[in-house]
PDB file of N, CA and C in Angstrom:
ATOM      1  N   MET A   1    -172.908   4.645  41.461  1.00  0.00           N
ATOM      2  CA  MET A   1    -171.827   5.548  41.479  1.00  0.00           C
ATOM      3  C   MET A   1    -171.608   6.114  40.154  1.00  0.00           C
ATOM      4  N   SER A   2    -170.874   7.046  39.992  1.00  0.00           N
ATOM      5  CA  SER A   2    -170.598   7.700  38.644  1.00  0.00           C
ATOM      6  C   SER A   2    -169.422   7.257  38.315  1.00  0.00           C
ATOM      7  N   VAL A   3    -169.349   7.458  37.085  1.00  0.00           N
ATOM      8  CA  VAL A   3    -167.722   7.626  36.314  1.00  0.00           C
ATOM      9  C   VAL A   3    -166.994   8.169  37.089  1.00  0.00           C
ATOM     10  N   ALA A   4    -167.267   9.281  37.380  1.00  0.00           N
ATOM     11  CA  ALA A   4    -166.018  10.411  37.751  1.00  0.00           C
ATOM     12  C   ALA A   4    -165.894   9.767  39.284  1.00  0.00           C
ATOM     13  N   ALA A   5    -166.768   9.569  39.835  1.00  0.00           N
ATOM     14  CA  ALA A   5    -166.294   8.912  41.381  1.00  0.00           C
ATOM     15  C   ALA A   5    -165.445   7.478  41.354  1.00  0.00           C
ATOM     16  N   GLU A   6    -165.666   6.716  40.565  1.00  0.00           N
ATOM     17  CA  GLU A   6    -164.973   5.704  40.046  1.00  0.00           C
ATOM     18  C   GLU A   6    -163.863   5.707  39.477  1.00  0.00           C
ATOM     19  N   ILE A   7    -163.545   6.854  38.897  1.00  0.00           N
ATOM     20  CA  ILE A   7    -161.991   7.579  38.727  1.00  0.00           C
ATOM     21  C   ILE A   7    -161.229   8.161  39.606  1.00  0.00           C
ATOM     22  N   LYS A   8    -161.903   8.893  40.579  1.00  0.00           N
ATOM     23  CA  LYS A   8    -161.418   9.182  41.644  1.00  0.00           C
ATOM     24  C   LYS A   8    -160.831   8.167  42.890  1.00  0.00           C
ATOM     25  N   VAL A   9    -161.528   7.125  42.771  1.00  0.00           N
ATOM     26  CA  VAL A   9    -160.915   5.922  43.685  1.00  0.00           C
ATOM     27  C   VAL A   9    -160.175   5.191  42.584  1.00  0.00           C
ATOM     28  N   SER A  10    -160.325   4.974  41.936  1.00  0.00           N
ATOM     29  CA  SER A  10    -159.176   4.412  41.031  1.00  0.00           C
ATOM     30  C   SER A  10    -157.763   4.849  41.130  1.00  0.00           C
ATOM     31  N   GLN A  11    -157.874   6.273  41.330  1.00  0.00           N
ATOM     32  CA  GLN A  11    -156.684   7.110  41.342  1.00  0.00           C
ATOM     33  C   GLN A  11    -155.756   7.242  42.871  1.00  0.00           C
ATOM     34  N   SER A  12    -156.845   7.123  43.561  1.00  0.00           N
ATOM     35  CA  SER A  12    -156.484   6.855  45.386  1.00  0.00           C
ATOM     36  C   SER A  12    -155.965   5.496  45.618  1.00  0.00           C
ATOM     37  N   ASP A  13    -156.590   4.758  45.160  1.00  0.00           N
ATOM     38  CA  ASP A  13    -155.564   3.433  44.916  1.00  0.00           C
ATOM     39  C   ASP A  13    -154.381   3.260  44.371  1.00  0.00           C
ATOM     40  N   ARG A  14    -154.419   4.103  43.147  1.00  0.00           N
ATOM     41  CA  ARG A  14    -153.068   4.233  42.665  1.00  0.00           C
ATOM     42  C   ARG A  14    -151.798   4.866  43.694  1.00  0.00           C
ATOM     43  N   VAL A  15    -152.285   5.615  44.224  1.00  0.00           N
ATOM     44  CA  VAL A  15    -151.618   6.671  45.335  1.00  0.00           C
ATOM     45  C   VAL A  15    -150.815   5.817  46.463  1.00  0.00           C
ATOM     46  N   ILE A  16    -151.972   4.885  46.864  1.00  0.00           N
ATOM     47  CA  ILE A  16    -151.598   4.045  47.930  1.00  0.00           C
ATOM     48  C   ILE A  16    -150.770   2.956  47.394  1.00  0.00           C
ATOM     49  N   LEU A  17    -150.817   2.291  46.165  1.00  0.00           N
ATOM     50  CA  LEU A  17    -150.377   1.239  45.434  1.00  0.00           C
ATOM     51  C   LEU A  17    -148.613   1.899  45.042  1.00  0.00           C
ATOM     52  N   LYS A  18    -148.816   3.145  44.903  1.00  0.00           N
ATOM     53  CA  LYS A  18    -147.266   3.658  44.874  1.00  0.00           C
ATOM     54  C   LYS A  18    -146.599   3.953  46.066  1.00  0.00           C
ATOM     55  N   GLY A  19    -147.049   4.137  47.078  1.00  0.00           N
ATOM     56  CA  GLY A  19    -146.483   4.593  48.142  1.00  0.00           C
ATOM     57  C   GLY A  19    -146.222   3.410  48.808  1.00  0.00           C
ATOM     58  N   GLY A  20    -146.983   2.022  48.752  1.00  0.00           N
ATOM     59  CA  GLY A  20    -146.738   0.905  49.031  1.00  0.00           C
ATOM     60  C   GLY A  20    -145.682   0.200  48.393  1.00  0.00           C
ATOM     61  N   LEU A  21    -145.201   0.369  47.139  1.00  0.00           N
ATOM     62  CA  LEU A  21    -144.294  -0.162  46.281  1.00  0.00           C
ATOM     63  C   LEU A  21    -143.128   0.569  46.510  1.00  0.00           C
ATOM     64  N   ARG A  22    -143.117   2.107  47.213  1.00  0.00           N
ATOM     65  CA  ARG A  22    -141.968   2.689  47.689  1.00  0.00           C
ATOM     66  C   ARG A  22    -141.448   2.184  48.778  1.00  0.00           C
ATOM     67  N   ASP A  23    -142.611   1.672  49.617  1.00  0.00           N
ATOM     68  CA  ASP A  23    -141.772   1.586  51.233  1.00  0.00           C
ATOM     69  C   ASP A  23    -141.375   0.117  50.871  1.00  0.00           C
ATOM     70  N   PHE A  24    -142.280  -0.797  50.032  1.00  0.00           N
ATOM     71  CA  PHE A  24    -141.451  -2.135  49.451  1.00  0.00           C
ATOM     72  C   PHE A  24    -140.225  -1.912  49.056  1.00  0.00           C
ATOM     73  N   ALA A  25    -139.782  -1.392  48.455  1.00  0.00           N
ATOM     74  CA  ALA A  25    -138.491  -1.020  47.693  1.00  0.00           C
ATOM     75  C   ALA A  25    -137.739  -0.415  48.722  1.00  0.00           C
ATOM     76  N   PHE A  26    -137.764   0.270  49.841  1.00  0.00           N
ATOM     77  CA  PHE A  26    -136.890   0.741  50.812  1.00  0.00           C
ATOM     78  C   PHE A  26    -137.130  -0.183  51.613  1.00  0.00           C
ATOM     79  N   ALA A  27    -137.669  -1.026  52.174  1.00  0.00           N
ATOM     80  CA  ALA A  27    -137.586  -2.162  52.752  1.00  0.00           C
ATOM     81  C   ALA A  27    -136.858  -3.146  52.567  1.00  0.00           C
ATOM     82  N   LEU A  28    -136.759  -3.735  50.876  1.00  0.00           N
ATOM     83  CA  LEU A  28    -136.143  -4.484  50.297  1.00  0.00           C
ATOM     84  C   LEU A  28    -134.341  -4.100  50.317  1.00  0.00           C
ATOM     85  N   LEU A  29    -134.472  -2.750  50.013  1.00  0.00           N
ATOM     86  CA  LEU A  29    -132.722  -2.369  49.687  1.00  0.00           C
ATOM     87  C   LEU A  29    -132.445  -2.092  51.433  1.00  0.00           C
ATOM     88  N   VAL A  30    -132.952  -1.839  52.339  1.00  0.00           N
ATOM     89  CA  VAL A  30    -132.557  -2.022  53.583  1.00  0.00           C
ATOM     90  C   VAL A  30    -132.174  -3.592  54.242  1.00  0.00           C
ATOM     91  N   MET A  31    -133.091  -4.532  53.555  1.00  0.00           N
ATOM     92  CA  MET A  31    -132.508  -5.917  53.936  1.00  0.00           C
ATOM     93  C   MET A  31    -131.309  -6.489  53.301  1.00  0.00           C
ATOM     94  N   VAL A  32    -131.447  -5.802  52.039  1.00  0.00           N
ATOM     95  CA  VAL A  32    -130.013  -6.139  51.183  1.00  0.00           C
ATOM     96  C   VAL A  32    -128.970  -5.496  51.497  1.00  0.00           C
ATOM     97  N   LEU A  33    -128.809  -4.421  51.936  1.00  0.00           N
ATOM     98  CA  LEU A  33    -127.601  -3.655  52.534  1.00  0.00           C
ATOM     99  C   LEU A  33    -127.412  -4.653  54.024  1.00  0.00           C
ATOM    100  N   VAL A  34    -128.415  -4.901  54.779  1.00  0.00           N
ATOM    101  CA  VAL A  34    -127.840  -5.603  55.975  1.00  0.00           C
ATOM    102  C   VAL A  34    -127.695  -7.165  55.833  1.00  0.00           C
ATOM    103  N   GLY A  35    -128.155  -7.769  54.577  1.00  0.00           N
ATOM    104  CA  GLY A  35    -127.506  -8.826  54.236  1.00  0.00           C
ATOM    105  C   GLY A  35    -126.283  -9.164  53.919  1.00  0.00           C
ATOM    106  N   CYS A  36    -125.889  -7.936  53.006  1.00  0.00           N
ATOM    107  CA  CYS A  36    -124.430  -7.489  52.797  1.00  0.00           C
ATOM    108  C   CYS A  36    -123.332  -7.170  53.656  1.00  0.00           C
ATOM    109  N   ALA A  37    -123.940  -6.718  54.636  1.00  0.00           N
ATOM    110  CA  ALA A  37    -123.318  -6.411  56.023  1.00  0.00           C
ATOM    111  C   ALA A  37    -123.158  -7.445  56.759  1.00  0.00           C
ATOM    112  N   ILE A  38    -123.881  -8.566  57.182  1.00  0.00           N
ATOM    113  CA  ILE A  38    -123.737  -9.803  57.741  1.00  0.00           C
ATOM    114  C   ILE A  38    -122.690 -10.370  56.864  1.00  0.00           C
ATOM    115  N   PHE A  39    -122.984 -10.477  55.286  1.00  0.00           N
ATOM    116  CA  PHE A  39    -122.309 -11.534  55.027  1.00  0.00           C
ATOM    117  C   PHE A  39    -120.522 -11.265  54.854  1.00  0.00           C
ATOM    118  N   ALA A  40    -120.461  -9.617  54.703  1.00  0.00           N
ATOM    119  CA  ALA A  40    -118.965  -9.210  54.647  1.00  0.00           C
ATOM    120  C   ALA A  40    -118.653  -9.274  55.860  1.00  0.00           C
ATOM    121  N   THR A  41    -119.158  -9.546  57.238  1.00  0.00           N
ATOM    122  CA  THR A  41    -118.696  -9.701  58.442  1.00  0.00           C
ATOM    123  C   THR A  41    -118.313 -11.046  58.597  1.00  0.00           C
ATOM    124  N   VAL A  42    -119.266 -12.000  58.401  1.00  0.00           N
ATOM    125  CA  VAL A  42    -118.964 -13.186  58.184  1.00  0.00           C
ATOM    126  C   VAL A  42    -117.980 -13.768  57.852  1.00  0.00           C
ATOM    127  N   TRP A  43    -117.961 -13.372  56.165  1.00  0.00           N
ATOM    128  CA  TRP A  43    -116.545 -13.697  55.141  1.00  0.00           C
ATOM    129  C   TRP A  43    -115.206 -13.232  56.083  1.00  0.00           C
ATOM    130  N   ARG A  44    -115.268 -12.113  56.507  1.00  0.00           N
ATOM    131  CA  ARG A  44    -113.963 -11.589  57.231  1.00  0.00           C
ATOM    132  C   ARG A  44    -113.639 -12.406  58.380  1.00  0.00           C
ATOM    133  N   ARG A  45    -114.494 -13.103  59.179  1.00  0.00           N
ATOM    134  CA  ARG A  45    -114.421 -14.012  60.277  1.00  0.00           C
ATOM    135  C   ARG A  45    -113.792 -15.323  59.900  1.00  0.00           C
ATOM    136  N   VAL A  46    -114.624 -15.839  58.590  1.00  0.00           N
ATOM    137  CA  VAL A  46    -113.976 -16.905  58.462  1.00  0.00           C
ATOM    138  C   VAL A  46    -112.559 -16.724  57.706  1.00  0.00           C
ATOM    139  N   ALA A  47    -112.296 -15.664  57.147  1.00  0.00           N
ATOM    140  CA  ALA A  47    -110.928 -15.133  56.421  1.00  0.00           C
ATOM    141  C   ALA A  47    -109.947 -15.163  57.492  1.00  0.00           C
ATOM    142  N   PHE A  48    -110.334 -14.695  58.865  1.00  0.00           N
ATOM    143  CA  PHE A  48    -109.382 -14.227  59.873  1.00  0.00           C
ATOM    144  C   PHE A  48    -108.980 -15.835  60.443  1.00  0.00           C
ATOM    145  N   ILE A  49    -109.904 -16.560  60.669  1.00  0.00           N
ATOM    146  CA  ILE A  49    -109.851 -17.807  61.187  1.00  0.00           C
ATOM    147  C   ILE A  49    -108.744 -18.743  60.158  1.00  0.00           C
ATOM    148  N   GLU A  50    -109.160 -18.725  59.087  1.00  0.00           N
ATOM    149  CA  GLU A  50    -108.340 -19.639  58.181  1.00  0.00           C
ATOM    150  C   GLU A  50    -106.665 -18.830  58.160  1.00  0.00           C
ATOM    151  N   MET A  51    -106.643 -17.481  58.159  1.00  0.00           N
ATOM    152  CA  MET A  51    -105.130 -16.933  58.048  1.00  0.00           C
ATOM    153  C   MET A  51    -104.520 -17.454  59.377  1.00  0.00           C
ATOM    154  N   GLY A  52    -105.342 -17.808  60.760  1.00  0.00           N
ATOM    155  CA  GLY A  52    -104.602 -18.024  61.776  1.00  0.00           C
ATOM    156  C   GLY A  52    -104.386 -19.204  61.648  1.00  0.00           C
ATOM    157  N   TYR A  53    -105.134 -20.274  60.986  1.00  0.00           N
ATOM    158  CA  TYR A  53    -104.566 -22.044  60.383  1.00  0.00           C
ATOM    159  C   TYR A  53    -103.542 -21.603  59.846  1.00  0.00           C
ATOM    160  N   GLU A  54    -103.295 -20.982  58.597  1.00  0.00           N
ATOM    161  CA  GLU A  54    -102.168 -20.895  57.820  1.00  0.00           C
ATOM    162  C   GLU A  54    -100.706 -20.416  58.857  1.00  0.00           C
ATOM    163  N   ILE A  55    -101.272 -19.599  59.777  1.00  0.00           N
ATOM    164  CA  ILE A  55     -99.918 -18.986  60.425  1.00  0.00           C
ATOM    165  C   ILE A  55     -99.551 -20.136  61.174  1.00  0.00           C
ATOM    166  N   ARG A  56    -100.152 -20.625  61.630  1.00  0.00           N
ATOM    167  CA  ARG A  56     -99.828 -21.800  62.468  1.00  0.00           C
ATOM    168  C   ARG A  56     -99.217 -23.222  62.281  1.00  0.00           C
ATOM    169  N   ARG A  57     -99.616 -23.319  60.607  1.00  0.00           N
ATOM    170  CA  ARG A  57     -98.829 -24.263  59.717  1.00  0.00           C
ATOM    171  C   ARG A  57     -97.691 -23.882  59.640  1.00  0.00           C
ATOM    172  N   LEU A  58     -97.167 -22.452  59.047  1.00  0.00           N
ATOM    173  CA  LEU A  58     -95.962 -21.858  58.342  1.00  0.00           C
ATOM    174  C   LEU A  58     -95.181 -22.067  60.068  1.00  0.00           C
ATOM    175  N   GLU A  59     -95.679 -21.791  61.067  1.00  0.00           N
ATOM    176  CA  GLU A  59     -94.965 -21.732  62.277  1.00  0.00           C
ATOM    177  C   GLU A  59     -94.259 -23.316  62.402  1.00  0.00           C
ATOM    178  N   LYS A  60     -95.183 -24.335  62.167  1.00  0.00           N
ATOM    179  CA  LYS A  60     -94.968 -25.722  62.423  1.00  0.00           C
ATOM    180  C   LYS A  60     -93.670 -25.737  61.044  1.00  0.00           C
ATOM    181  N   VAL A  61     -93.668 -25.633  60.320  1.00  0.00           N
ATOM    182  CA  VAL A  61     -92.790 -25.746  59.141  1.00  0.00           C
ATOM    183  C   VAL A  61     -91.477 -24.725  59.740  1.00  0.00           C
ATOM    184  N   GLU A  62     -91.656 -23.566  59.817  1.00  0.00           N
ATOM    185  CA  GLU A  62     -90.510 -23.112  60.077  1.00  0.00           C
ATOM    186  C   GLU A  62     -89.939 -23.929  61.131  1.00  0.00           C
ATOM    187  N   SER A  63     -90.487 -24.247  62.441  1.00  0.00           N
ATOM    188  CA  SER A  63     -89.766 -25.259  63.579  1.00  0.00           C
ATOM    189  C   SER A  63     -88.810 -26.213  62.766  1.00  0.00           C
ATOM    190  N   VAL A  64     -89.273 -26.821  61.885  1.00  0.00           N
ATOM    191  CA  VAL A  64     -88.931 -28.381  61.520  1.00  0.00           C
ATOM    192  C   VAL A  64     -87.732 -27.799  60.583  1.00  0.00           C
ATOM    193  N   LEU A  65     -87.906 -26.790  60.168  1.00  0.00           N
ATOM    194  CA  LEU A  65     -86.623 -26.348  58.954  1.00  0.00           C
ATOM    195  C   LEU A  65     -85.691 -25.787  59.872  1.00  0.00           C
ATOM    196  N   LEU A  66     -85.818 -25.020  61.083  1.00  0.00           N
ATOM    197  CA  LEU A  66     -84.733 -24.457  61.773  1.00  0.00           C
ATOM    198  C   LEU A  66     -84.212 -25.648  62.426  1.00  0.00           C
ATOM    199  N   HIS A  67     -84.784 -26.502  62.831  1.00  0.00           N
ATOM    200  CA  HIS A  67     -84.341 -28.258  63.413  1.00  0.00           C
ATOM    201  C   HIS A  67     -83.344 -28.793  62.455  1.00  0.00           C
ATOM    202  N   LEU A  68     -83.845 -28.604  61.372  1.00  0.00           N
ATOM    203  CA  LEU A  68     -83.195 -29.215  59.999  1.00  0.00           C
ATOM    204  C   LEU A  68     -81.952 -28.693  59.639  1.00  0.00           C
ATOM    205  N   GLN A  69     -82.023 -27.449  59.864  1.00  0.00           N
ATOM    206  CA  GLN A  69     -80.401 -25.990  59.589  1.00  0.00           C
ATOM    207  C   GLN A  69     -80.033 -26.446  60.615  1.00  0.00           C
ATOM    208  N   HIS A  70     -80.209 -26.866  62.159  1.00  0.00           N
ATOM    209  CA  HIS A  70     -79.078 -26.866  63.045  1.00  0.00           C
ATOM    210  C   HIS A  70     -78.230 -28.242  62.942  1.00  0.00           C
ATOM    211  N   GLU A  71     -79.519 -29.635  62.604  1.00  0.00           N
ATOM    212  CA  GLU A  71     -78.448 -30.567  62.265  1.00  0.00           C
ATOM    213  C   GLU A  71     -77.489 -30.739  61.127  1.00  0.00           C
ATOM    214  N   MET A  72     -78.070 -29.833  60.167  1.00  0.00           N
ATOM    215  CA  MET A  72     -77.028 -29.554  58.977  1.00  0.00           C
ATOM    216  C   MET A  72     -75.814 -28.728  59.424  1.00  0.00           C
ATOM    217  N   GLU A  73     -75.865 -27.942  60.410  1.00  0.00           N
ATOM    218  CA  GLU A  73     -74.354 -27.471  60.576  1.00  0.00           C
ATOM    219  C   GLU A  73     -73.554 -28.058  61.603  1.00  0.00           C
ATOM    220  N   ILE A  74     -74.620 -29.027  62.546  1.00  0.00           N
ATOM    221  CA  ILE A  74     -73.485 -30.151  63.120  1.00  0.00           C
ATOM    222  C   ILE A  74     -72.577 -30.978  62.259  1.00  0.00           C
ATOM    223  N   GLU A  75     -73.517 -31.448  61.019  1.00  0.00           N
ATOM    224  CA  GLU A  75     -72.871 -32.575  60.022  1.00  0.00           C
ATOM    225  C   GLU A  75     -71.816 -31.672  59.218  1.00  0.00           C
ATOM    226  N   LYS A  76     -71.848 -30.373  58.733  1.00  0.00           N
ATOM    227  CA  LYS A  76     -71.051 -29.403  58.131  1.00  0.00           C
ATOM    228  C   LYS A  76     -69.905 -29.511  59.129  1.00  0.00           C
ATOM    229  N   ALA A  77     -70.029 -28.916  60.134  1.00  0.00           N
ATOM    230  CA  ALA A  77     -69.099 -29.173  61.236  1.00  0.00           C
ATOM    231  C   ALA A  77     -67.934 -30.401  61.393  1.00  0.00           C
ATOM    232  N   MET A  78     -68.658 -31.650  61.446  1.00  0.00           N
ATOM    233  CA  MET A  78     -68.257 -32.741  61.373  1.00  0.00           C
ATOM    234  C   MET A  78     -67.626 -33.268  60.270  1.00  0.00           C
ATOM    235  N   LEU A  79     -67.797 -32.691  59.334  1.00  0.00           N
ATOM    236  CA  LEU A  79     -67.562 -33.194  57.662  1.00  0.00           C
ATOM    237  C   LEU A  79     -66.115 -32.176  57.560  1.00  0.00           C
ATOM    238  N   SER A  80     -66.251 -31.334  57.800  1.00  0.00           N
ATOM    239  CA  SER A  80     -65.139 -30.166  57.520  1.00  0.00           C
ATOM    240  C   SER A  80     -63.983 -30.083  58.519  1.00  0.00           C
ATOM    241  N   SER A  81     -63.898 -30.734  59.698  1.00  0.00           N
ATOM    242  CA  SER A  81     -62.794 -30.736  60.383  1.00  0.00           C
ATOM    243  C   SER A  81     -61.806 -31.382  59.950  1.00  0.00           C
ATOM    244  N   PRO A  82     -60.733 -31.006  60.408  1.00  0.00           N
ATOM    245  CA  PRO A  82     -59.282 -30.925  59.711  1.00  0.00           C
ATOM    246  C   PRO A  82     -58.710 -32.625  60.210  1.00  0.00           C
ATOM    247  N   GLU A  83     -59.159 -33.098  60.897  1.00  0.00           N
ATOM    248  CA  GLU A  83     -58.887 -34.515  61.299  1.00  0.00           C
ATOM    249  C   GLU A  83     -59.593 -35.694  59.990  1.00  0.00           C
ATOM    250  N   ARG A  84     -60.860 -35.264  60.066  1.00  0.00           N
ATOM    251  CA  ARG A  84     -61.769 -36.313  59.039  1.00  0.00           C
ATOM    252  C   ARG A  84     -61.216 -35.921  57.735  1.00  0.00           C
ATOM    253  N   ILE A  85     -60.903 -34.437  57.447  1.00  0.00           N
ATOM    254  CA  ILE A  85     -60.336 -34.633  56.132  1.00  0.00           C
ATOM    255  C   ILE A  85     -59.092 -35.067  55.608  1.00  0.00           C
ATOM    256  N   GLU A  86     -58.073 -34.908  56.626  1.00  0.00           N
ATOM    257  CA  GLU A  86     -56.823 -35.966  56.653  1.00  0.00           C
ATOM    258  C   GLU A  86     -57.110 -36.890  56.446  1.00  0.00           C
ATOM    259  N   MET A  87     -57.919 -37.999  57.656  1.00  0.00           N
ATOM    260  CA  MET A  87     -58.248 -39.293  57.409  1.00  0.00           C
ATOM    261  C   MET A  87     -58.743 -39.811  55.821  1.00  0.00           C
ATOM    262  N   VAL A  88     -59.728 -38.641  54.927  1.00  0.00           N
ATOM    263  CA  VAL A  88     -60.140 -39.346  54.340  1.00  0.00           C
ATOM    264  C   VAL A  88     -59.185 -39.115  52.868  1.00  0.00           C
ATOM    265  N   ALA A  89     -58.250 -37.993  53.127  1.00  0.00           N
ATOM    266  CA  ALA A  89     -57.174 -37.853  51.761  1.00  0.00           C
ATOM    267  C   ALA A  89     -56.126 -39.042  51.850  1.00  0.00           C
ATOM    268  N   GLN A  90     -55.952 -39.877  53.133  1.00  0.00           N
ATOM    269  CA  GLN A  90     -54.900 -40.903  53.238  1.00  0.00           C
ATOM    270  C   GLN A  90     -55.906 -41.987  52.856  1.00  0.00           C
ATOM    271  N   ASP A  91     -56.914 -42.241  53.749  1.00  0.00           N
ATOM    272  CA  ASP A  91     -57.915 -43.519  53.013  1.00  0.00           C
ATOM    273  C   ASP A  91     -58.163 -43.479  51.968  1.00  0.00           C
ATOM    274  N   LYS A  92     -58.775 -42.524  51.158  1.00  0.00           N
ATOM    275  CA  LYS A  92     -59.860 -42.843  49.753  1.00  0.00           C
ATOM    276  C   LYS A  92     -58.844 -42.308  48.758  1.00  0.00           C
ATOM    277  N   PHE A  93     -58.227 -41.519  49.058  1.00  0.00           N
ATOM    278  CA  PHE A  93     -57.114 -40.820  47.909  1.00  0.00           C
ATOM    279  C   PHE A  93     -55.661 -41.344  47.687  1.00  0.00           C
ATOM    280  N   GLY A  94     -54.983 -41.722  48.804  1.00  0.00           N
ATOM    281  CA  GLY A  94     -54.080 -42.265  49.020  1.00  0.00           C
ATOM    282  C   GLY A  94     -52.835 -41.218  49.286  1.00  0.00           C
ATOM    283  N   LEU A  95     -53.335 -40.139  49.449  1.00  0.00           N
ATOM    284  CA  LEU A  95     -52.342 -38.909  49.787  1.00  0.00           C
ATOM    285  C   LEU A  95     -51.716 -38.858  51.253  1.00  0.00           C
ATOM    286  N   ARG A  96     -50.294 -38.683  51.154  1.00  0.00           N
ATOM    287  CA  ARG A  96     -49.754 -38.615  52.380  1.00  0.00           C
ATOM    288  C   ARG A  96     -48.761 -37.500  52.296  1.00  0.00           C
ATOM    289  N   GLU A  97     -48.180 -37.001  53.675  1.00  0.00           N
ATOM    290  CA  GLU A  97     -47.725 -35.855  53.875  1.00  0.00           C
ATOM    291  C   GLU A  97     -46.188 -35.767  52.854  1.00  0.00           C
ATOM    292  N   PRO A  98     -45.818 -34.762  52.095  1.00  0.00           N
ATOM    293  CA  PRO A  98     -44.672 -34.917  51.067  1.00  0.00           C
ATOM    294  C   PRO A  98     -43.441 -35.056  51.809  1.00  0.00           C
ATOM    295  N   GLU A  99     -42.589 -35.476  50.890  1.00  0.00           N
ATOM    296  CA  GLU A  99     -40.905 -35.833  51.585  1.00  0.00           C
ATOM    297  C   GLU A  99     -40.541 -34.373  51.379  1.00  0.00           C
ATOM    298  N   PRO A 100     -39.337 -34.223  52.039  1.00  0.00           N
ATOM    299  CA  PRO A 100     -38.485 -33.052  52.057  1.00  0.00           C
ATOM    300  C   PRO A 100     -38.276 -32.689  50.410  1.00  0.00           C
ATOM    301  N   GLY A 101     -37.630 -33.398  49.379  1.00  0.00           N
ATOM    302  CA  GLY A 101     -37.267 -33.297  48.388  1.00  0.00           C
ATOM    303  C   GLY A 101     -38.437 -32.631  47.261  1.00  0.00           C
ATOM    304  N   GLN A 102     -40.082 -32.972  47.862  1.00  0.00           N
ATOM    305  CA  GLN A 102     -40.839 -32.631  46.845  1.00  0.00           C
ATOM    306  C   GLN A 102     -41.362 -31.195  47.151  1.00  0.00           C
ATOM    307  N   ILE A 103     -40.989 -30.883  47.851  1.00  0.00           N
ATOM    308  CA  ILE A 103     -41.593 -29.289  48.409  1.00  0.00           C
ATOM    309  C   ILE A 103     -40.623 -28.202  47.305  1.00  0.00           C
ATOM    310  N   ARG A 104     -41.297 -27.120  46.851  1.00  0.00           N
ATOM    311  CA  ARG A 104     -40.764 -26.510  46.346  1.00  0.00           C
ATOM    312  C   ARG A 104     -41.131 -25.433  46.506  1.00  0.00           C
ATOM    313  N   VAL A 105     -40.536 -24.347  46.639  1.00  0.00           N
ATOM    314  CA  VAL A 105     -40.910 -22.598  47.186  1.00  0.00           C
ATOM    315  C   VAL A 105     -40.772 -21.974  46.082  1.00  0.00           C
ATOM    316  N   LEU A 106     -41.694 -21.153  45.766  1.00  0.00           N
ATOM    317  CA  LEU A 106     -41.648 -20.418  44.713  1.00  0.00           C
ATOM    318  C   LEU A 106     -41.350 -19.199  44.778  1.00  0.00           C
ATOM    319  N   PRO A 107     -40.522 -18.581  43.877  1.00  0.00           N
ATOM    320  CA  PRO A 107     -40.376 -16.942  44.296  1.00  0.00           C
ATOM    321  C   PRO A 107     -41.733 -15.978  44.000  1.00  0.00           C
TER     322      PRO A 107
END
């Protein structure tokens, strides 16, 4: 083979190689994009499931707090009843009904 024929053969190999490299780069880009799309879909699904668990946990906390609030309202009503206040005032503090001479009307 002559030198000119060898140069032509080597140039045609380069063209095939460049085309192959371009196809490989395109295929690699497509695979990366598909991989990113799959990763984003999986990540979004996992985040959705985690959010569901968090919502259930917060609903349980809300239920416990509502029950506690109801109990506190009952206790407040019991503690603020006039009969109990009068009993505590007499027993603990020694208070009693005022005598008629102890009452003064202010102008």
